[in-house]
Amino acid sequence: NYRLLSDLPYLTELLRRPILIGLSRKSMLT
């Protein structure tokens, strides 16, 4: 999960679409 969060610029450039992030209160935090 943290790798993907760090790599959002790569995904933005690759996919060229708005990116939604849903991490609110999830286990990657808890």
PDB file of all heavy atoms in Angstrom:
ATOM      1  N   ASN A   1       0.831  -1.207   0.000  1.00  0.00           N
ATOM      2  CA  ASN A   1       0.000   0.000   0.000  1.00  0.00           C
ATOM      3  C   ASN A   1       0.865   1.256   0.000  1.00  0.00           C
ATOM      4  O   ASN A   1       0.592   2.221  -0.736  1.00  0.00           O
ATOM      5  CB  ASN A   1      -0.920   0.008   1.230  1.00  0.00           C
ATOM      6  CG  ASN A   1      -2.033  -1.008   1.122  1.00  0.00           C
ATOM      7  OD1 ASN A   1      -2.595  -1.224   0.057  1.00  0.00           O
ATOM      8  ND2 ASN A   1      -2.373  -1.634   2.234  1.00  0.00           N
ATOM      9  N   TYR A   2       1.904   1.256   0.814  1.00  0.00           N
ATOM     10  CA  TYR A   2       2.774   2.433   0.878  1.00  0.00           C
ATOM     11  C   TYR A   2       3.607   2.593  -0.393  1.00  0.00           C
ATOM     12  O   TYR A   2       3.915   3.718  -0.809  1.00  0.00           O
ATOM     13  CB  TYR A   2       3.656   2.377   2.129  1.00  0.00           C
ATOM     14  CG  TYR A   2       2.882   2.773   3.363  1.00  0.00           C
ATOM     15  CD1 TYR A   2       2.392   1.805   4.238  1.00  0.00           C
ATOM     16  CD2 TYR A   2       2.598   4.109   3.636  1.00  0.00           C
ATOM     17  CE1 TYR A   2       1.648   2.158   5.362  1.00  0.00           C
ATOM     18  CE2 TYR A   2       1.856   4.467   4.755  1.00  0.00           C
ATOM     19  CZ  TYR A   2       1.389   3.492   5.611  1.00  0.00           C
ATOM     20  OH  TYR A   2       0.640   3.846   6.714  1.00  0.00           O
ATOM     21  N   ARG A   3       3.958   1.496  -1.003  1.00  0.00           N
ATOM     22  CA  ARG A   3       4.669   1.574  -2.277  1.00  0.00           C
ATOM     23  C   ARG A   3       3.772   2.239  -3.332  1.00  0.00           C
ATOM     24  O   ARG A   3       4.217   3.132  -4.072  1.00  0.00           O
ATOM     25  CB  ARG A   3       5.078   0.168  -2.721  1.00  0.00           C
ATOM     26  CG  ARG A   3       5.619   0.089  -4.143  1.00  0.00           C
ATOM     27  CD  ARG A   3       6.981   0.756  -4.316  1.00  0.00           C
ATOM     28  NE  ARG A   3       7.365   0.771  -5.723  1.00  0.00           N
ATOM     29  CZ  ARG A   3       7.899  -0.268  -6.372  1.00  0.00           C
ATOM     30  NH1 ARG A   3       8.106  -1.416  -5.729  1.00  0.00           N
ATOM     31  NH2 ARG A   3       8.227  -0.158  -7.633  1.00  0.00           N
ATOM     32  N   LEU A   4       2.519   1.838  -3.386  1.00  0.00           N
ATOM     33  CA  LEU A   4       1.592   2.444  -4.344  1.00  0.00           C
ATOM     34  C   LEU A   4       1.381   3.927  -4.054  1.00  0.00           C
ATOM     35  O   LEU A   4       1.330   4.750  -4.975  1.00  0.00           O
ATOM     36  CB  LEU A   4       0.251   1.702  -4.319  1.00  0.00           C
ATOM     37  CG  LEU A   4       0.234   0.343  -5.013  1.00  0.00           C
ATOM     38  CD1 LEU A   4      -1.031  -0.427  -4.630  1.00  0.00           C
ATOM     39  CD2 LEU A   4       0.306   0.511  -6.534  1.00  0.00           C
ATOM     40  N   LEU A   5       1.253   4.258  -2.792  1.00  0.00           N
ATOM     41  CA  LEU A   5       1.080   5.659  -2.422  1.00  0.00           C
ATOM     42  C   LEU A   5       2.285   6.482  -2.871  1.00  0.00           C
ATOM     43  O   LEU A   5       2.141   7.583  -3.419  1.00  0.00           O
ATOM     44  CB  LEU A   5       0.878   5.773  -0.908  1.00  0.00           C
ATOM     45  CG  LEU A   5       0.555   7.160  -0.347  1.00  0.00           C
ATOM     46  CD1 LEU A   5      -0.743   7.697  -0.933  1.00  0.00           C
ATOM     47  CD2 LEU A   5       0.465   7.091   1.176  1.00  0.00           C
ATOM     48  N   SER A   6       3.465   5.945  -2.667  1.00  0.00           N
ATOM     49  CA  SER A   6       4.688   6.634  -3.079  1.00  0.00           C
ATOM     50  C   SER A   6       4.791   6.762  -4.593  1.00  0.00           C
ATOM     51  O   SER A   6       5.327   7.752  -5.112  1.00  0.00           O
ATOM     52  CB  SER A   6       5.913   5.878  -2.549  1.00  0.00           C
ATOM     53  OG  SER A   6       7.115   6.487  -2.959  1.00  0.00           O
ATOM     54  N   ASP A   7       4.239   5.778  -5.309  1.00  0.00           N
ATOM     55  CA  ASP A   7       4.367   5.734  -6.766  1.00  0.00           C
ATOM     56  C   ASP A   7       3.193   6.360  -7.513  1.00  0.00           C
ATOM     57  O   ASP A   7       3.047   6.163  -8.727  1.00  0.00           O
ATOM     58  CB  ASP A   7       4.519   4.273  -7.223  1.00  0.00           C
ATOM     59  CG  ASP A   7       5.882   3.696  -6.887  1.00  0.00           C
ATOM     60  OD1 ASP A   7       6.789   4.469  -6.546  1.00  0.00           O
ATOM     61  OD2 ASP A   7       6.028   2.456  -6.943  1.00  0.00           O
ATOM     62  N   LEU A   8       2.366   7.140  -6.837  1.00  0.00           N
ATOM     63  CA  LEU A   8       1.230   7.768  -7.519  1.00  0.00           C
ATOM     64  C   LEU A   8       1.640   8.605  -8.734  1.00  0.00           C
ATOM     65  O   LEU A   8       0.935   8.580  -9.759  1.00  0.00           O
ATOM     66  CB  LEU A   8       0.433   8.635  -6.545  1.00  0.00           C
ATOM     67  CG  LEU A   8      -0.467   7.915  -5.540  1.00  0.00           C
ATOM     68  CD1 LEU A   8      -1.327   8.929  -4.796  1.00  0.00           C
ATOM     69  CD2 LEU A   8      -1.335   6.869  -6.206  1.00  0.00           C
ATOM     70  N   PRO A   9       2.749   9.348  -8.684  1.00  0.00           N
ATOM     71  CA  PRO A   9       3.130  10.095  -9.891  1.00  0.00           C
ATOM     72  C   PRO A   9       3.336   9.197 -11.110  1.00  0.00           C
ATOM     73  O   PRO A   9       2.981   9.570 -12.236  1.00  0.00           O
ATOM     74  CB  PRO A   9       4.433  10.796  -9.473  1.00  0.00           C
ATOM     75  CG  PRO A   9       4.299  10.963  -7.997  1.00  0.00           C
ATOM     76  CD  PRO A   9       3.612   9.694  -7.535  1.00  0.00           C
ATOM     77  N   TYR A  10       3.898   8.010 -10.888  1.00  0.00           N
ATOM     78  CA  TYR A  10       4.078   7.065 -11.999  1.00  0.00           C
ATOM     79  C   TYR A  10       2.718   6.652 -12.564  1.00  0.00           C
ATOM     80  O   TYR A  10       2.525   6.623 -13.791  1.00  0.00           O
ATOM     81  CB  TYR A  10       4.839   5.830 -11.525  1.00  0.00           C
ATOM     82  CG  TYR A  10       4.792   4.680 -12.504  1.00  0.00           C
ATOM     83  CD1 TYR A  10       5.627   4.642 -13.610  1.00  0.00           C
ATOM     84  CD2 TYR A  10       3.877   3.636 -12.328  1.00  0.00           C
ATOM     85  CE1 TYR A  10       5.566   3.594 -14.528  1.00  0.00           C
ATOM     86  CE2 TYR A  10       3.808   2.591 -13.228  1.00  0.00           C
ATOM     87  CZ  TYR A  10       4.648   2.570 -14.339  1.00  0.00           C
ATOM     88  OH  TYR A  10       4.572   1.538 -15.235  1.00  0.00           O
ATOM     89  N   LEU A  11       1.770   6.320 -11.688  1.00  0.00           N
ATOM     90  CA  LEU A  11       0.449   5.888 -12.143  1.00  0.00           C
ATOM     91  C   LEU A  11      -0.294   7.021 -12.845  1.00  0.00           C
ATOM     92  O   LEU A  11      -0.988   6.797 -13.845  1.00  0.00           O
ATOM     93  CB  LEU A  11      -0.371   5.372 -10.956  1.00  0.00           C
ATOM     94  CG  LEU A  11       0.137   4.074 -10.318  1.00  0.00           C
ATOM     95  CD1 LEU A  11      -0.680   3.739  -9.075  1.00  0.00           C
ATOM     96  CD2 LEU A  11       0.103   2.918 -11.315  1.00  0.00           C
ATOM     97  N   THR A  12      -0.140   8.236 -12.340  1.00  0.00           N
ATOM     98  CA  THR A  12      -0.770   9.389 -12.985  1.00  0.00           C
ATOM     99  C   THR A  12      -0.246   9.573 -14.400  1.00  0.00           C
ATOM    100  O   THR A  12      -1.019   9.804 -15.345  1.00  0.00           O
ATOM    101  CB  THR A  12      -0.510  10.667 -12.164  1.00  0.00           C
ATOM    102  OG1 THR A  12      -1.025  10.497 -10.846  1.00  0.00           O
ATOM    103  CG2 THR A  12      -1.182  11.873 -12.801  1.00  0.00           C
ATOM    104  N   GLU A  13       1.059   9.463 -14.559  1.00  0.00           N
ATOM    105  CA  GLU A  13       1.673   9.633 -15.876  1.00  0.00           C
ATOM    106  C   GLU A  13       1.295   8.490 -16.814  1.00  0.00           C
ATOM    107  O   GLU A  13       1.024   8.705 -18.008  1.00  0.00           O
ATOM    108  CB  GLU A  13       3.196   9.711 -15.729  1.00  0.00           C
ATOM    109  CG  GLU A  13       3.943   9.936 -17.034  1.00  0.00           C
ATOM    110  CD  GLU A  13       3.677  11.300 -17.638  1.00  0.00           C
ATOM    111  OE1 GLU A  13       3.268  12.215 -16.897  1.00  0.00           O
ATOM    112  OE2 GLU A  13       3.882  11.449 -18.859  1.00  0.00           O
ATOM    113  N   LEU A  14       1.256   7.272 -16.292  1.00  0.00           N
ATOM    114  CA  LEU A  14       0.930   6.105 -17.109  1.00  0.00           C
ATOM    115  C   LEU A  14      -0.526   6.113 -17.559  1.00  0.00           C
ATOM    116  O   LEU A  14      -0.830   5.871 -18.739  1.00  0.00           O
ATOM    117  CB  LEU A  14       1.209   4.823 -16.321  1.00  0.00           C
ATOM    118  CG  LEU A  14       0.777   3.508 -16.983  1.00  0.00           C
ATOM    119  CD1 LEU A  14       1.672   3.200 -18.182  1.00  0.00           C
ATOM    120  CD2 LEU A  14       0.820   2.359 -15.972  1.00  0.00           C
ATOM    121  N   LEU A  15      -1.436   6.368 -16.642  1.00  0.00           N
ATOM    122  CA  LEU A  15      -2.863   6.181 -16.892  1.00  0.00           C
ATOM    123  C   LEU A  15      -3.553   7.439 -17.401  1.00  0.00           C
ATOM    124  O   LEU A  15      -4.589   7.343 -18.066  1.00  0.00           O
ATOM    125  CB  LEU A  15      -3.546   5.686 -15.606  1.00  0.00           C
ATOM    126  CG  LEU A  15      -2.961   4.387 -15.041  1.00  0.00           C
ATOM    127  CD1 LEU A  15      -3.569   4.076 -13.676  1.00  0.00           C
ATOM    128  CD2 LEU A  15      -3.179   3.220 -16.002  1.00  0.00           C
ATOM    129  N   ARG A  16      -3.035   8.597 -17.049  1.00  0.00           N
ATOM    130  CA  ARG A  16      -3.579   9.878 -17.512  1.00  0.00           C
ATOM    131  C   ARG A  16      -5.076  10.005 -17.229  1.00  0.00           C
ATOM    132  O   ARG A  16      -5.862  10.397 -18.092  1.00  0.00           O
ATOM    133  CB  ARG A  16      -3.255  10.101 -18.995  1.00  0.00           C
ATOM    134  CG  ARG A  16      -1.757  10.146 -19.256  1.00  0.00           C
ATOM    135  CD  ARG A  16      -1.419  10.586 -20.661  1.00  0.00           C
ATOM    136  NE  ARG A  16       0.024  10.669 -20.841  1.00  0.00           N
ATOM    137  CZ  ARG A  16       0.783  11.700 -20.492  1.00  0.00           C
ATOM    138  NH1 ARG A  16       0.215  12.763 -19.921  1.00  0.00           N
ATOM    139  NH2 ARG A  16       2.084  11.689 -20.679  1.00  0.00           N
ATOM    140  N   ARG A  17      -5.416   9.655 -16.033  1.00  0.00           N
ATOM    141  CA  ARG A  17      -6.788   9.793 -15.539  1.00  0.00           C
ATOM    142  C   ARG A  17      -6.737  10.354 -14.116  1.00  0.00           C
ATOM    143  O   ARG A  17      -5.727  10.201 -13.421  1.00  0.00           O
ATOM    144  CB  ARG A  17      -7.501   8.434 -15.495  1.00  0.00           C
ATOM    145  CG  ARG A  17      -7.717   7.746 -16.821  1.00  0.00           C
ATOM    146  CD  ARG A  17      -8.728   8.490 -17.692  1.00  0.00           C
ATOM    147  NE  ARG A  17      -9.108   7.710 -18.858  1.00  0.00           N
ATOM    148  CZ  ARG A  17      -8.376   7.542 -19.949  1.00  0.00           C
ATOM    149  NH1 ARG A  17      -7.177   8.106 -20.016  1.00  0.00           N
ATOM    150  NH2 ARG A  17      -8.800   6.816 -20.956  1.00  0.00           N
ATOM    151  N   PRO A  18      -7.816  10.981 -13.660  1.00  0.00           N
ATOM    152  CA  PRO A  18      -7.863  11.374 -12.245  1.00  0.00           C
ATOM    153  C   PRO A  18      -7.699  10.139 -11.364  1.00  0.00           C
ATOM    154  O   PRO A  18      -8.254   9.078 -11.659  1.00  0.00           O
ATOM    155  CB  PRO A  18      -9.265  11.978 -12.096  1.00  0.00           C
ATOM    156  CG  PRO A  18      -9.710  12.311 -13.478  1.00  0.00           C
ATOM    157  CD  PRO A  18      -9.064  11.322 -14.388  1.00  0.00           C
ATOM    158  N   ILE A  19      -6.929  10.276 -10.295  1.00  0.00           N
ATOM    159  CA  ILE A  19      -6.692   9.155  -9.393  1.00  0.00           C
ATOM    160  C   ILE A  19      -7.408   9.395  -8.069  1.00  0.00           C
ATOM    161  O   ILE A  19      -7.252  10.448  -7.439  1.00  0.00           O
ATOM    162  CB  ILE A  19      -5.190   8.932  -9.156  1.00  0.00           C
ATOM    163  CG1 ILE A  19      -4.547   8.414 -10.446  1.00  0.00           C
ATOM    164  CG2 ILE A  19      -4.956   7.947  -8.014  1.00  0.00           C
ATOM    165  CD1 ILE A  19      -3.109   7.982 -10.303  1.00  0.00           C
ATOM    166  N   LEU A  20      -8.195   8.421  -7.681  1.00  0.00           N
ATOM    167  CA  LEU A  20      -8.893   8.435  -6.396  1.00  0.00           C
ATOM    168  C   LEU A  20      -8.073   7.641  -5.384  1.00  0.00           C
ATOM    169  O   LEU A  20      -7.590   6.554  -5.691  1.00  0.00           O
ATOM    170  CB  LEU A  20     -10.284   7.826  -6.544  1.00  0.00           C
ATOM    171  CG  LEU A  20     -11.192   7.788  -5.307  1.00  0.00           C
ATOM    172  CD1 LEU A  20     -12.662   7.834  -5.730  1.00  0.00           C
ATOM    173  CD2 LEU A  20     -10.954   6.551  -4.445  1.00  0.00           C
ATOM    174  N   ILE A  21      -7.932   8.197  -4.193  1.00  0.00           N
ATOM    175  CA  ILE A  21      -7.238   7.504  -3.120  1.00  0.00           C
ATOM    176  C   ILE A  21      -8.203   7.327  -1.945  1.00  0.00           C
ATOM    177  O   ILE A  21      -8.775   8.301  -1.450  1.00  0.00           O
ATOM    178  CB  ILE A  21      -5.982   8.275  -2.667  1.00  0.00           C
ATOM    179  CG1 ILE A  21      -4.918   8.224  -3.755  1.00  0.00           C
ATOM    180  CG2 ILE A  21      -5.437   7.704  -1.358  1.00  0.00           C
ATOM    181  CD1 ILE A  21      -4.406   6.827  -4.074  1.00  0.00           C
ATOM    182  N   GLY A  22      -8.365   6.078  -1.530  1.00  0.00           N
ATOM    183  CA  GLY A  22      -9.210   5.759  -0.384  1.00  0.00           C
ATOM    184  C   GLY A  22      -8.391   5.013   0.662  1.00  0.00           C
ATOM    185  O   GLY A  22      -8.190   3.804   0.544  1.00  0.00           O
ATOM    186  N   LEU A  23      -7.902   5.749   1.645  1.00  0.00           N
ATOM    187  CA  LEU A  23      -7.108   5.119   2.708  1.00  0.00           C
ATOM    188  C   LEU A  23      -7.634   5.453   4.099  1.00  0.00           C
ATOM    189  O   LEU A  23      -7.041   5.081   5.108  1.00  0.00           O
ATOM    190  CB  LEU A  23      -5.628   5.527   2.574  1.00  0.00           C
ATOM    191  CG  LEU A  23      -5.292   7.019   2.437  1.00  0.00           C
ATOM    192  CD1 LEU A  23      -5.458   7.798   3.717  1.00  0.00           C
ATOM    193  CD2 LEU A  23      -3.876   7.182   1.902  1.00  0.00           C
ATOM    194  N   SER A  24      -8.786   6.116   4.133  1.00  0.00           N
ATOM    195  CA  SER A  24      -9.325   6.622   5.394  1.00  0.00           C
ATOM    196  C   SER A  24      -9.473   5.527   6.441  1.00  0.00           C
ATOM    197  O   SER A  24     -10.221   4.561   6.245  1.00  0.00           O
ATOM    198  CB  SER A  24     -10.690   7.277   5.134  1.00  0.00           C
ATOM    199  OG  SER A  24     -11.249   7.777   6.323  1.00  0.00           O
ATOM    200  N   ARG A  25      -8.711   5.654   7.535  1.00  0.00           N
ATOM    201  CA  ARG A  25      -8.802   4.801   8.713  1.00  0.00           C
ATOM    202  C   ARG A  25      -8.528   3.318   8.422  1.00  0.00           C
ATOM    203  O   ARG A  25      -8.939   2.441   9.181  1.00  0.00           O
ATOM    204  CB  ARG A  25     -10.173   4.970   9.403  1.00  0.00           C
ATOM    205  CG  ARG A  25     -10.428   6.393   9.900  1.00  0.00           C
ATOM    206  CD  ARG A  25     -11.776   6.506  10.579  1.00  0.00           C
ATOM    207  NE  ARG A  25     -12.079   7.853  11.022  1.00  0.00           N
ATOM    208  CZ  ARG A  25     -11.823   8.331  12.243  1.00  0.00           C
ATOM    209  NH1 ARG A  25     -11.232   7.573  13.132  1.00  0.00           N
ATOM    210  NH2 ARG A  25     -12.168   9.575  12.568  1.00  0.00           N
ATOM    211  N   LYS A  26      -7.839   3.023   7.320  1.00  0.00           N
ATOM    212  CA  LYS A  26      -7.605   1.640   6.921  1.00  0.00           C
ATOM    213  C   LYS A  26      -6.459   1.003   7.707  1.00  0.00           C
ATOM    214  O   LYS A  26      -5.684   1.675   8.388  1.00  0.00           O
ATOM    215  CB  LYS A  26      -7.334   1.556   5.417  1.00  0.00           C
ATOM    216  CG  LYS A  26      -8.585   1.718   4.568  1.00  0.00           C
ATOM    217  CD  LYS A  26      -8.291   1.501   3.095  1.00  0.00           C
ATOM    218  CE  LYS A  26      -9.582   1.545   2.272  1.00  0.00           C
ATOM    219  NZ  LYS A  26      -9.314   1.372   0.821  1.00  0.00           N
ATOM    220  N   SER A  27      -6.322  -0.319   7.519  1.00  0.00           N
ATOM    221  CA  SER A  27      -5.322  -1.072   8.279  1.00  0.00           C
ATOM    222  C   SER A  27      -3.899  -0.686   7.913  1.00  0.00           C
ATOM    223  O   SER A  27      -2.976  -0.916   8.700  1.00  0.00           O
ATOM    224  CB  SER A  27      -5.521  -2.579   8.077  1.00  0.00           C
ATOM    225  OG  SER A  27      -5.362  -2.938   6.714  1.00  0.00           O
ATOM    226  N   MET A  28      -3.670  -0.114   6.737  1.00  0.00           N
ATOM    227  CA  MET A  28      -2.322   0.355   6.409  1.00  0.00           C
ATOM    228  C   MET A  28      -1.883   1.462   7.366  1.00  0.00           C
ATOM    229  O   MET A  28      -0.686   1.734   7.493  1.00  0.00           O
ATOM    230  CB  MET A  28      -2.248   0.838   4.960  1.00  0.00           C
ATOM    231  CG  MET A  28      -3.098   2.059   4.650  1.00  0.00           C
ATOM    232  SD  MET A  28      -2.917   2.639   2.922  1.00  0.00           S
ATOM    233  CE  MET A  28      -1.317   3.471   2.992  1.00  0.00           C
ATOM    234  N   LEU A  29      -2.847   2.084   8.030  1.00  0.00           N
ATOM    235  CA  LEU A  29      -2.564   3.098   9.043  1.00  0.00           C
ATOM    236  C   LEU A  29      -2.608   2.518  10.453  1.00  0.00           C
ATOM    237  O   LEU A  29      -1.754   2.830  11.285  1.00  0.00           O
ATOM    238  CB  LEU A  29      -3.570   4.241   8.934  1.00  0.00           C
ATOM    239  CG  LEU A  29      -3.741   4.881   7.553  1.00  0.00           C
ATOM    240  CD1 LEU A  29      -4.841   5.925   7.592  1.00  0.00           C
ATOM    241  CD2 LEU A  29      -2.440   5.493   7.075  1.00  0.00           C
ATOM    242  N   THR A  30      -3.592   1.674  10.703  1.00  0.00           N
ATOM    243  CA  THR A  30      -3.775   1.188  12.075  1.00  0.00           C
ATOM    244  C   THR A  30      -2.749   0.141  12.485  1.00  0.00           C
ATOM    245  O   THR A  30      -2.330   0.103  13.648  1.00  0.00           O
ATOM    246  CB  THR A  30      -5.191   0.610  12.258  1.00  0.00           C
ATOM    247  OG1 THR A  30      -5.383  -0.496  11.353  1.00  0.00           O
ATOM    248  CG2 THR A  30      -6.254   1.670  11.980  1.00  0.00           C
TER     249      THR A  30
END
